[in-house]
Each structure stands twice: as C-alpha cells, then as structure tokens.
C-alpha atoms as a PDB file:
ATOM      1  CA  MET A   1      -2.676 -17.436  -2.580  1.00  0.00           C
ATOM      2  CA  SER A   2      -3.639 -16.751   0.848  1.00  0.00           C
ATOM      3  CA  SER A   3      -6.722 -15.125   1.143  1.00  0.00           C
ATOM      4  CA  PHE A   4      -5.102 -12.663   3.572  1.00  0.00           C
ATOM      5  CA  GLU A   5      -2.534 -10.399   1.758  1.00  0.00           C
ATOM      6  CA  LEU A   6       0.945  -9.714   2.606  1.00  0.00           C
ATOM      7  CA  LEU A   7       2.521  -7.434   0.995  1.00  0.00           C
ATOM      8  CA  PRO A   8       6.255  -7.037   1.891  1.00  0.00           C
ATOM      9  CA  ALA A   9       7.217  -3.302   1.043  1.00  0.00           C
ATOM     10  CA  VAL A  10      10.476  -2.915  -0.818  1.00  0.00           C
ATOM     11  CA  ASP A  11      11.205   1.434  -0.949  1.00  0.00           C
ATOM     12  CA  VAL A  12      12.894   2.782  -3.268  1.00  0.00           C
ATOM     13  CA  ALA A  13      14.779   5.506  -3.878  1.00  0.00           C
ATOM     14  CA  GLY A  14      18.061   6.482  -6.348  1.00  0.00           C
ATOM     15  CA  ARG A  15      17.619   3.199  -7.761  1.00  0.00           C
ATOM     16  CA  ARG A  16      18.073   1.759  -4.323  1.00  0.00           C
ATOM     17  CA  ALA A  17      16.229   0.033  -1.252  1.00  0.00           C
ATOM     18  CA  VAL A  18      16.009   2.207   1.437  1.00  0.00           C
ATOM     19  CA  GLN A  19      14.632  -0.209   4.514  1.00  0.00           C
ATOM     20  CA  VAL A  20      17.528  -2.672   4.485  1.00  0.00           C
ATOM     21  CA  VAL A  21      18.561  -2.885   8.442  1.00  0.00           C
ATOM     22  CA  GLY A  22      22.768  -3.635   8.482  1.00  0.00           C
ATOM     23  CA  PRO A  23      24.786  -5.175   5.909  1.00  0.00           C
ATOM     24  CA  GLY A  24      21.984  -6.415   3.387  1.00  0.00           C
ATOM     25  CA  PRO A  25      21.393  -5.726   0.002  1.00  0.00           C
ATOM     26  CA  ALA A  26      20.968  -2.174  -1.320  1.00  0.00           C
ATOM     27  CA  ASP A  27      19.630  -3.410  -4.895  1.00  0.00           C
ATOM     28  CA  PRO A  28      15.732  -3.579  -4.690  1.00  0.00           C
ATOM     29  CA  LEU A  29      15.745  -6.728  -6.877  1.00  0.00           C
ATOM     30  CA  GLU A  30      17.662  -8.433  -4.515  1.00  0.00           C
ATOM     31  CA  VAL A  31      15.360  -7.390  -2.040  1.00  0.00           C
ATOM     32  CA  ALA A  32      11.974  -8.468  -3.243  1.00  0.00           C
ATOM     33  CA  ARG A  33      13.618 -11.963  -4.762  1.00  0.00           C
ATOM     34  CA  HIS A  34      14.679 -12.403  -1.252  1.00  0.00           C
ATOM     35  CA  TRP A  35      11.042 -11.633   0.335  1.00  0.00           C
ATOM     36  CA  ILE A  36      10.194 -14.011  -2.380  1.00  0.00           C
ATOM     37  CA  GLU A  37      12.066 -16.914  -1.558  1.00  0.00           C
ATOM     38  CA  GLU A  38      11.008 -16.558   1.982  1.00  0.00           C
ATOM     39  CA  GLY A  39       7.112 -16.610   0.421  1.00  0.00           C
ATOM     40  CA  ALA A  40       6.039 -13.656  -0.787  1.00  0.00           C
ATOM     41  CA  GLU A  41       3.389 -14.094  -3.317  1.00  0.00           C
ATOM     42  CA  ARG A  42       3.069 -10.466  -3.527  1.00  0.00           C
ATOM     43  CA  ILE A  43       5.477  -7.264  -3.254  1.00  0.00           C
ATOM     44  CA  HIS A  44       4.383  -4.086  -2.401  1.00  0.00           C
ATOM     45  CA  LEU A  45       6.785  -1.631  -4.654  1.00  0.00           C
ATOM     46  CA  VAL A  46       7.317   1.914  -3.379  1.00  0.00           C
ATOM     47  CA  ASP A  47       8.752   4.697  -5.537  1.00  0.00           C
ATOM     48  CA  LEU A  48       9.966   7.230  -2.837  1.00  0.00           C
ATOM     49  CA  ASP A  49      11.273   9.641  -5.626  1.00  0.00           C
ATOM     50  CA  ARG A  50       8.070  10.003  -7.236  1.00  0.00           C
ATOM     51  CA  ALA A  51       6.109  10.209  -3.747  1.00  0.00           C
ATOM     52  CA  PHE A  52       8.684  13.399  -2.443  1.00  0.00           C
ATOM     53  CA  GLY A  53       8.300  15.028  -5.828  1.00  0.00           C
ATOM     54  CA  ARG A  54      11.757  14.333  -6.620  1.00  0.00           C
ATOM     55  CA  SER A  55      12.635  12.976 -10.369  1.00  0.00           C
ATOM     56  CA  PRO A  56      11.451  10.061 -10.673  1.00  0.00           C
ATOM     57  CA  ASP A  57      12.615   6.748 -12.477  1.00  0.00           C
ATOM     58  CA  PRO A  58       9.856   4.740 -14.106  1.00  0.00           C
ATOM     59  CA  ALA A  59      11.786   3.552 -16.432  1.00  0.00           C
ATOM     60  CA  PHE A  60      13.977   1.726 -13.715  1.00  0.00           C
ATOM     61  CA  LEU A  61      10.426   0.951 -11.323  1.00  0.00           C
ATOM     62  CA  ALA A  62       8.730  -0.743 -14.943  1.00  0.00           C
ATOM     63  CA  GLY A  63      12.058  -3.694 -14.604  1.00  0.00           C
ATOM     64  CA  LEU A  64      11.542  -4.183 -11.327  1.00  0.00           C
ATOM     65  CA  VAL A  65       8.027  -4.465 -11.719  1.00  0.00           C
ATOM     66  CA  GLN A  66       9.011  -7.201 -15.155  1.00  0.00           C
ATOM     67  CA  ALA A  67      11.905  -8.977 -13.284  1.00  0.00           C
ATOM     68  CA  LEU A  68       9.645 -10.195 -10.410  1.00  0.00           C
ATOM     69  CA  PRO A  69       7.611 -13.328 -10.921  1.00  0.00           C
ATOM     70  CA  VAL A  70       5.152 -12.813  -8.532  1.00  0.00           C
ATOM     71  CA  PRO A  71       2.064 -10.179  -8.262  1.00  0.00           C
ATOM     72  CA  VAL A  72       3.496  -6.263  -7.794  1.00  0.00           C
ATOM     73  CA  GLN A  73       1.603  -3.654  -6.223  1.00  0.00           C
ATOM     74  CA  LEU A  74       3.340  -0.203  -7.279  1.00  0.00           C
ATOM     75  CA  SER A  75       3.190   3.076  -5.559  1.00  0.00           C
ATOM     76  CA  GLY A  76       4.258   6.276  -4.683  1.00  0.00           C
ATOM     77  CA  GLY A  77       3.553   9.592  -5.862  1.00  0.00           C
ATOM     78  CA  LEU A  78       0.478   8.526  -8.358  1.00  0.00           C
ATOM     79  CA  ASP A  79      -1.831  10.916  -9.155  1.00  0.00           C
ATOM     80  CA  ASP A  80      -2.246  12.074 -12.332  1.00  0.00           C
ATOM     81  CA  GLY A  81      -2.891  10.360 -15.057  1.00  0.00           C
ATOM     82  CA  ALA A  82       0.095  10.309 -17.118  1.00  0.00           C
ATOM     83  CA  ALA A  83       1.677   8.683 -14.146  1.00  0.00           C
ATOM     84  CA  VAL A  84      -1.146   5.841 -13.347  1.00  0.00           C
ATOM     85  CA  SER A  85      -1.258   5.101 -17.200  1.00  0.00           C
ATOM     86  CA  GLN A  86       2.600   4.995 -16.938  1.00  0.00           C
ATOM     87  CA  ALA A  87       2.288   2.363 -13.725  1.00  0.00           C
ATOM     88  CA  LEU A  88      -0.291   0.165 -15.441  1.00  0.00           C
ATOM     89  CA  ALA A  89       2.017  -0.324 -18.350  1.00  0.00           C
ATOM     90  CA  THR A  90       4.655  -1.899 -16.088  1.00  0.00           C
ATOM     91  CA  GLY A  91       2.117  -4.596 -15.927  1.00  0.00           C
ATOM     92  CA  ALA A  92       1.538  -4.135 -12.152  1.00  0.00           C
ATOM     93  CA  TRP A  93      -0.827  -6.411 -11.045  1.00  0.00           C
ATOM     94  CA  ARG A  94      -2.898  -3.693  -9.163  1.00  0.00           C
ATOM     95  CA  VAL A  95      -1.449   0.404  -8.866  1.00  0.00           C
ATOM     96  CA  ASN A  96      -1.755   2.384  -6.001  1.00  0.00           C
ATOM     97  CA  LEU A  97      -3.112   5.772  -6.220  1.00  0.00           C
ATOM     98  CA  ALA A  98      -1.979   8.258  -3.966  1.00  0.00           C
ATOM     99  CA  THR A  99      -4.122  10.117  -1.663  1.00  0.00           C
ATOM    100  CA  THR A 100      -3.359  13.427  -3.552  1.00  0.00           C
ATOM    101  CA  ALA A 101      -5.384  11.817  -6.538  1.00  0.00           C
ATOM    102  CA  LEU A 102      -8.881  12.175  -4.621  1.00  0.00           C
ATOM    103  CA  GLN A 103      -8.657  16.211  -4.798  1.00  0.00           C
ATOM    104  CA  ASP A 104      -9.881  15.194  -8.327  1.00  0.00           C
ATOM    105  CA  PRO A 105     -13.048  12.620  -7.759  1.00  0.00           C
ATOM    106  CA  VAL A 106     -14.092  12.750 -11.154  1.00  0.00           C
ATOM    107  CA  ALA A 107     -10.969  10.914 -12.519  1.00  0.00           C
ATOM    108  CA  VAL A 108     -10.612   8.671  -9.697  1.00  0.00           C
ATOM    109  CA  GLY A 109     -13.861   7.201 -11.031  1.00  0.00           C
ATOM    110  CA  ARG A 110     -13.126   7.500 -14.675  1.00  0.00           C
ATOM    111  CA  LEU A 111      -9.947   5.182 -13.052  1.00  0.00           C
ATOM    112  CA  LEU A 112     -12.242   2.912 -11.185  1.00  0.00           C
ATOM    113  CA  ALA A 113     -14.759   2.827 -14.246  1.00  0.00           C
ATOM    114  CA  ALA A 114     -11.757   1.777 -16.390  1.00  0.00           C
ATOM    115  CA  GLU A 115      -9.332  -0.609 -14.655  1.00  0.00           C
ATOM    116  CA  GLY A 116     -11.732  -1.624 -11.475  1.00  0.00           C
ATOM    117  CA  PRO A 117      -9.338  -4.502  -9.602  1.00  0.00           C
ATOM    118  CA  ARG A 118      -6.096  -3.155 -11.128  1.00  0.00           C
ATOM    119  CA  ILE A 119      -6.565   0.344  -8.874  1.00  0.00           C
ATOM    120  CA  ALA A 120      -5.720   0.797  -5.356  1.00  0.00           C
ATOM    121  CA  VAL A 121      -6.787   3.873  -3.264  1.00  0.00           C
ATOM    122  CA  GLY A 122      -4.236   4.852  -0.924  1.00  0.00           C
ATOM    123  CA  VAL A 123      -5.928   7.022   1.796  1.00  0.00           C
ATOM    124  CA  ASP A 124      -2.906   8.423   4.537  1.00  0.00           C
ATOM    125  CA  VAL A 125      -4.426   8.825   7.940  1.00  0.00           C
ATOM    126  CA  LEU A 126      -3.145  11.399  10.468  1.00  0.00           C
ATOM    127  CA  GLY A 127      -5.026  11.578  14.109  1.00  0.00           C
ATOM    128  CA  ASP A 128      -8.522  12.042  12.215  1.00  0.00           C
ATOM    129  CA  ARG A 129      -7.300  13.503   9.345  1.00  0.00           C
ATOM    130  CA  VAL A 130      -6.217  12.232   5.369  1.00  0.00           C
ATOM    131  CA  VAL A 131      -3.430  14.100   5.234  1.00  0.00           C
ATOM    132  CA  ALA A 132      -1.489  12.954   1.732  1.00  0.00           C
ATOM    133  CA  ARG A 133       2.240  12.317   3.229  1.00  0.00           C
ATOM    134  CA  GLY A 134       5.633  14.225   1.510  1.00  0.00           C
ATOM    135  CA  SER A 135       3.011  16.716  -0.397  1.00  0.00           C
ATOM    136  CA  GLY A 136       1.438  18.476   2.583  1.00  0.00           C
ATOM    137  CA  VAL A 137      -2.051  18.461   1.321  1.00  0.00           C
ATOM    138  CA  ASP A 138      -4.854  17.956   3.688  1.00  0.00           C
ATOM    139  CA  LEU A 139      -7.876  16.667   2.879  1.00  0.00           C
ATOM    140  CA  GLY A 140      -9.882  17.249   5.443  1.00  0.00           C
ATOM    141  CA  PRO A 141     -11.600  14.659   8.239  1.00  0.00           C
ATOM    142  CA  LEU A 142     -11.725  11.175   7.654  1.00  0.00           C
ATOM    143  CA  VAL A 143     -15.195  10.963   7.940  1.00  0.00           C
ATOM    144  CA  GLY A 144     -15.861  12.907   4.723  1.00  0.00           C
ATOM    145  CA  VAL A 145     -13.278  11.367   2.987  1.00  0.00           C
ATOM    146  CA  LEU A 146     -15.328   8.058   3.389  1.00  0.00           C
ATOM    147  CA  ASP A 147     -18.192   9.380   2.525  1.00  0.00           C
ATOM    148  CA  LEU A 148     -16.646  10.137  -0.756  1.00  0.00           C
ATOM    149  CA  LEU A 149     -15.093   7.018  -1.372  1.00  0.00           C
ATOM    150  CA  VAL A 150     -18.343   5.561  -0.466  1.00  0.00           C
ATOM    151  CA  GLU A 151     -20.177   7.395  -3.779  1.00  0.00           C
ATOM    152  CA  LEU A 152     -16.825   6.745  -5.867  1.00  0.00           C
ATOM    153  CA  LEU A 153     -17.174   2.710  -4.780  1.00  0.00           C
ATOM    154  CA  THR A 154     -20.565   2.306  -5.439  1.00  0.00           C
ATOM    155  CA  PRO A 155     -21.144   1.547  -9.109  1.00  0.00           C
ATOM    156  CA  THR A 156     -17.311   0.443  -9.768  1.00  0.00           C
ATOM    157  CA  THR A 157     -15.178  -1.773  -7.778  1.00  0.00           C
ATOM    158  CA  ALA A 158     -11.473  -0.790  -7.041  1.00  0.00           C
ATOM    159  CA  GLY A 159      -8.994  -3.439  -5.748  1.00  0.00           C
ATOM    160  CA  ALA A 160      -8.787  -2.397  -2.700  1.00  0.00           C
ATOM    161  CA  VAL A 161      -8.098   0.954  -0.181  1.00  0.00           C
ATOM    162  CA  VAL A 162      -5.013   0.763   1.360  1.00  0.00           C
ATOM    163  CA  LEU A 163      -5.139   2.516   4.766  1.00  0.00           C
ATOM    164  CA  ALA A 164      -1.615   3.838   5.876  1.00  0.00           C
ATOM    165  CA  ASP A 165      -1.830   5.228   9.257  1.00  0.00           C
ATOM    166  CA  ALA A 166       1.094   8.068   8.575  1.00  0.00           C
ATOM    167  CA  GLY A 167       1.279   8.636  12.695  1.00  0.00           C
ATOM    168  CA  ARG A 168       2.663   4.877  12.502  1.00  0.00           C
ATOM    169  CA  ASP A 169       3.944   4.109   9.784  1.00  0.00           C
ATOM    170  CA  GLY A 170       7.819   2.609  10.424  1.00  0.00           C
ATOM    171  CA  ARG A 171       7.520   2.955  14.064  1.00  0.00           C
ATOM    172  CA  ARG A 172       6.490  -0.525  14.785  1.00  0.00           C
ATOM    173  CA  SER A 173       4.413   1.300  17.664  1.00  0.00           C
ATOM    174  CA  GLY A 174       1.307  -1.376  16.794  1.00  0.00           C
ATOM    175  CA  ALA A 175      -0.868  -1.309  14.307  1.00  0.00           C
ATOM    176  CA  ASP A 176      -4.624   0.912  15.442  1.00  0.00           C
ATOM    177  CA  VAL A 177      -6.719  -1.466  15.005  1.00  0.00           C
ATOM    178  CA  GLY A 178      -9.904   0.374  15.757  1.00  0.00           C
ATOM    179  CA  LEU A 179      -8.899   2.993  13.026  1.00  0.00           C
ATOM    180  CA  LEU A 180      -9.200  -0.135  10.572  1.00  0.00           C
ATOM    181  CA  ALA A 181     -12.674  -1.224  12.318  1.00  0.00           C
ATOM    182  CA  ARG A 182     -13.749   1.912  11.239  1.00  0.00           C
ATOM    183  CA  VAL A 183     -13.104   2.207   7.993  1.00  0.00           C
ATOM    184  CA  VAL A 184     -14.055  -1.222   7.169  1.00  0.00           C
ATOM    185  CA  ALA A 185     -17.642  -0.808   8.895  1.00  0.00           C
ATOM    186  CA  ARG A 186     -17.957   2.576   6.844  1.00  0.00           C
ATOM    187  CA  LEU A 187     -16.825   1.050   3.311  1.00  0.00           C
ATOM    188  CA  GLY A 188     -18.467  -2.082   4.293  1.00  0.00           C
ATOM    189  CA  THR A 189     -18.542  -5.131   1.701  1.00  0.00           C
ATOM    190  CA  ARG A 190     -17.676  -2.298  -0.996  1.00  0.00           C
ATOM    191  CA  VAL A 191     -14.178  -2.597  -1.490  1.00  0.00           C
ATOM    192  CA  PRO A 192     -10.998  -4.814  -0.014  1.00  0.00           C
ATOM    193  CA  VAL A 193      -9.342  -2.828   3.206  1.00  0.00           C
ATOM    194  CA  VAL A 194      -5.482  -3.380   3.357  1.00  0.00           C
ATOM    195  CA  SER A 195      -3.495  -1.810   6.579  1.00  0.00           C
ATOM    196  CA  SER A 196      -0.218  -0.377   6.398  1.00  0.00           C
ATOM    197  CA  GLY A 197       2.000   0.919   9.078  1.00  0.00           C
ATOM    198  CA  GLY A 198       2.611   0.280  13.192  1.00  0.00           C
ATOM    199  CA  ILE A 199       2.945  -3.216  12.393  1.00  0.00           C
ATOM    200  CA  ALA A 200       4.766  -4.683  15.865  1.00  0.00           C
ATOM    201  CA  GLU A 201       3.861  -8.162  16.018  1.00  0.00           C
ATOM    202  CA  LEU A 202       2.009 -11.090  15.183  1.00  0.00           C
ATOM    203  CA  ASP A 203      -1.235 -10.026  17.075  1.00  0.00           C
ATOM    204  CA  ASP A 204      -1.177  -6.914  15.159  1.00  0.00           C
ATOM    205  CA  LEU A 205      -1.873  -9.424  12.187  1.00  0.00           C
ATOM    206  CA  ARG A 206      -4.257 -11.443  14.038  1.00  0.00           C
ATOM    207  CA  ALA A 207      -6.234  -8.273  15.297  1.00  0.00           C
ATOM    208  CA  LEU A 208      -6.300  -6.978  11.999  1.00  0.00           C
ATOM    209  CA  ARG A 209      -7.928  -9.967  10.306  1.00  0.00           C
ATOM    210  CA  ALA A 210     -10.337 -10.166  12.979  1.00  0.00           C
ATOM    211  CA  ALA A 211     -11.217  -6.558  12.634  1.00  0.00           C
ATOM    212  CA  GLY A 212     -11.930  -7.411   8.697  1.00  0.00           C
ATOM    213  CA  ALA A 213      -9.051  -6.250   6.994  1.00  0.00           C
ATOM    214  CA  SER A 214      -7.908  -8.018   4.061  1.00  0.00           C
ATOM    215  CA  GLY A 215      -4.506  -7.733   3.992  1.00  0.00           C
ATOM    216  CA  ALA A 216      -1.133  -5.743   5.441  1.00  0.00           C
ATOM    217  CA  VAL A 217       1.447  -4.100   3.974  1.00  0.00           C
ATOM    218  CA  LEU A 218       4.705  -5.385   5.925  1.00  0.00           C
ATOM    219  CA  GLY A 219       7.544  -3.047   6.668  1.00  0.00           C
ATOM    220  CA  ALA A 220       9.771  -1.707   9.781  1.00  0.00           C
ATOM    221  CA  ALA A 221       8.716  -5.332  11.560  1.00  0.00           C
ATOM    222  CA  LEU A 222       9.779  -7.515   8.371  1.00  0.00           C
ATOM    223  CA  TYR A 223      12.635  -6.050   8.358  1.00  0.00           C
ATOM    224  CA  HIS A 224      13.725  -5.282  11.862  1.00  0.00           C
ATOM    225  CA  GLY A 225      12.657  -9.344  12.417  1.00  0.00           C
ATOM    226  CA  ALA A 226      10.307  -9.012  14.926  1.00  0.00           C
ATOM    227  CA  PHE A 227       8.968 -11.668  13.081  1.00  0.00           C
ATOM    228  CA  THR A 228       9.152 -14.100   9.674  1.00  0.00           C
ATOM    229  CA  LEU A 229       7.555 -14.106   6.891  1.00  0.00           C
ATOM    230  CA  SER A 230       6.647 -17.768   7.186  1.00  0.00           C
ATOM    231  CA  GLN A 231       5.581 -16.912  11.177  1.00  0.00           C
ATOM    232  CA  ALA A 232       3.069 -13.852   9.580  1.00  0.00           C
ATOM    233  CA  LYS A 233       1.485 -16.388   6.983  1.00  0.00           C
ATOM    234  CA  GLU A 234       1.389 -18.713   9.831  1.00  0.00           C
ATOM    235  CA  ALA A 235      -0.730 -16.222  11.897  1.00  0.00           C
ATOM    236  CA  VAL A 236      -2.966 -15.590   9.249  1.00  0.00           C
ATOM    237  CA  ALA A 237      -3.774 -18.727   8.267  1.00  0.00           C
END
C-alpha cells in the first residue's frame, strides 16, 4: 500500500450509497467495488443513519466490511462503547470515532490504550471551533481540543486523527491547507492526520501532503469526476 492514504468515501443511508452522481449504482457494495477496481487500497465507509441519529443498521454495515477485499475505515456516529465495540467486531481495519466521543476523554483514552492503531479520532472543524456534525454539539475552540488530544495521545498511539472541515465538506471549494498544517504542527509526531473536506483538484492533494497530511478522504471531487483515483495516486506518489 502507498504511504499516503487515499480513502474513497462510501456514504450509506437506508442501505443505499448516497454520493453517486447520475445513473450509477446505489448499492454500496457495488460502489465500493468500483473504487477498488479503480485502484483503491482502502475504503472509508460511513453510516449516515447512525451519524444523524436515525436507526442504524449495524448488520448491514458489518456485511459490507466483511465483503470487501481491502481494509475499511468504518465511520459515522461511533461515540459510545457499545457502538465502537460493534464496529470493531466487524473486522474493520480502523474505526473512526465521532467527534462527540471527545466529550468523554477518559473513555477515549481507554479505547486508545486497548485498541491503539485500530482507532481514529474524528475532529470536525467549523471555522475555528470543533462542532460535531449531525449532533449540534460544540466542543469549543480548536486549540482546546488539540490540547486535549495532545494529552490523550501522549501515552498511546491512535491510528489517525481524521480532520474533517465541516464548512467545506462536499463543496469542492478547495482544501484548507492552513488548517491542516496547524493541526499537524500541534500534534507533532504523535499521530498521523488524515484530511477530509473541500478537496477539489489534484493540487489540493499535493498541498495537503506537503503540509504533513498522512492521507485524505476522497468524496465529491472523485464522484463528480474532477480527477480519477489513478490520477490522485500519481499526484501523491
């Protein structure tokens, strides 16, 4: 696998893939397999039903994880012990904690100590604040959350921090490279930082990598054909 993680996102709601443009397949398994055929080495699978407080379908998501031949990062509303345990039991390569999980730093610390590399910590940023999408929860200024992460990550090693720019997500308005650089500088070498949100062109990927990102979640730009997965891989090779 390449050292820079490129994770095509497959967002699932009501057992359907919801990012598909045009007459493409709505079956999440078909969508994920398409990206794998295009060269995806990992998939970012999001349970939007759980993330937005609707009835989750953990058995369906588990079936997707188990059916795919590449590592899957499972995400979407995973902020309590039961949900995280369920997600880990699917065999997912990595479980992305919802930002709301940071309301209980002690529990997050226990998860990191127990599962380490299988845990990614989601940090949703809007402006200069950490605001958990779909929940209405505001965790305060980014600087304070980064200080908390520095404390949590000192004795343990998480798989990643997934930095999601909520103000740019899905809009193809360009990645906020300055935001990424600030987070990387504060966290240092404690944990890899994966960028999500706003990516519009290949230069965004190049700039994110140059600023210290360890990878990127690819959504709207990939689905709308701004570039191919092969071109993305070449850009960060």
